[in-house]
Amino acid sequence: MPIKRIVNPKKLLNSKWTAVSPTNKEKHFMVTKLVLPELASDPITLVELEAVHSQRKQIIVWQALNDTNVWLQGWL
């Protein structure tokens, strides 16, 4: 069972993350952008992660960062 942590989406920008199971030598990531919803009253649901090694960017649902079986906070 995954351990859940509570992450505040407003504090995610520039936060650092480590993939538990790295692929393509992409282990360390940084949140480079909060994807703002179309309506300002809607909550933030997506963030852009950039791999430090390759600079590849991907958009994910920020709640996925709460799953400690996939992501660890900080660069470990």
Protein backbone atom coordinates (compact mmCIF):
# COMPACT_ATOMS: atom_id res chain seq x y z
CA MET A 1 0.00 0.00 0.00
CA PRO A 2 1.49 3.36 -0.98
CA ILE A 3 2.24 5.90 1.69
CA LYS A 4 0.50 9.17 0.94
CA ARG A 5 1.90 12.59 1.69
CA ILE A 6 -0.05 15.78 1.32
CA VAL A 7 1.54 18.25 -1.07
CA ASN A 8 0.23 21.79 -1.42
CA PRO A 9 0.06 22.57 -5.18
CA LYS A 10 0.82 26.26 -4.58
CA LYS A 11 4.20 25.31 -3.07
CA LEU A 12 5.25 22.92 -5.86
CA LEU A 13 6.97 25.38 -8.21
CA ASN A 14 10.75 24.68 -8.27
CA SER A 15 10.36 21.71 -5.93
CA LYS A 16 12.68 18.75 -6.49
CA TRP A 17 11.64 15.10 -6.86
CA THR A 18 13.34 11.73 -7.25
CA ALA A 19 11.78 8.93 -9.28
CA VAL A 20 11.73 5.67 -7.31
CA SER A 21 12.11 3.65 -10.54
CA PRO A 22 14.13 5.82 -12.96
CA THR A 23 13.88 5.26 -16.71
CA ASN A 24 16.26 6.52 -19.41
CA LYS A 25 18.66 7.76 -16.68
CA GLU A 26 15.97 10.23 -15.61
CA LYS A 27 16.02 10.07 -11.83
CA HIS A 28 15.91 13.69 -10.67
CA PHE A 29 13.12 16.07 -11.63
CA MET A 30 12.07 19.62 -10.91
CA VAL A 31 8.63 21.19 -11.12
CA THR A 32 9.21 23.99 -13.63
CA LYS A 33 5.66 25.17 -14.19
CA LEU A 34 2.20 25.09 -12.64
CA VAL A 35 -0.36 24.60 -15.41
CA LEU A 36 -3.05 27.12 -14.60
CA PRO A 37 -6.68 26.12 -15.24
CA GLU A 38 -8.79 27.98 -17.77
CA LEU A 39 -10.96 29.41 -15.02
CA ALA A 40 -9.05 31.20 -12.25
CA SER A 41 -11.55 29.83 -9.72
CA ASP A 42 -10.65 26.21 -10.60
CA PRO A 43 -7.88 24.47 -8.64
CA ILE A 44 -4.46 23.70 -10.09
CA THR A 45 -4.43 20.07 -11.23
CA LEU A 46 -1.39 19.80 -13.53
CA VAL A 47 2.31 20.55 -13.20
CA GLU A 48 5.22 20.39 -15.63
CA LEU A 49 8.15 18.22 -14.52
CA GLU A 50 11.55 18.55 -16.14
CA ALA A 51 14.14 15.79 -15.99
CA VAL A 52 17.49 17.20 -14.85
CA HIS A 53 19.52 14.74 -16.96
CA SER A 54 17.77 15.17 -20.31
CA GLN A 55 15.68 18.35 -19.85
CA ARG A 56 12.70 16.32 -21.12
CA LYS A 57 9.45 17.85 -19.91
CA GLN A 58 6.23 16.10 -19.02
CA ILE A 59 2.89 17.24 -17.67
CA ILE A 60 1.45 15.21 -14.79
CA VAL A 61 -1.40 15.48 -12.33
CA TRP A 62 0.30 16.96 -9.27
CA GLN A 63 -1.46 14.52 -6.91
CA ALA A 64 0.71 11.75 -8.40
CA LEU A 65 3.63 13.25 -6.45
CA ASN A 66 1.90 12.12 -3.25
CA ASP A 67 2.59 8.45 -4.10
CA THR A 68 5.84 7.50 -2.32
CA ASN A 69 6.04 4.29 -4.36
CA VAL A 70 6.67 6.47 -7.43
CA TRP A 71 8.11 9.78 -6.17
CA LEU A 72 10.31 10.87 -3.26
CA GLN A 73 10.54 14.51 -2.29
CA GLY A 74 13.97 16.07 -2.84
CA TRP A 75 16.94 14.74 -4.79
CA LEU A 76 18.08 11.51 -3.17
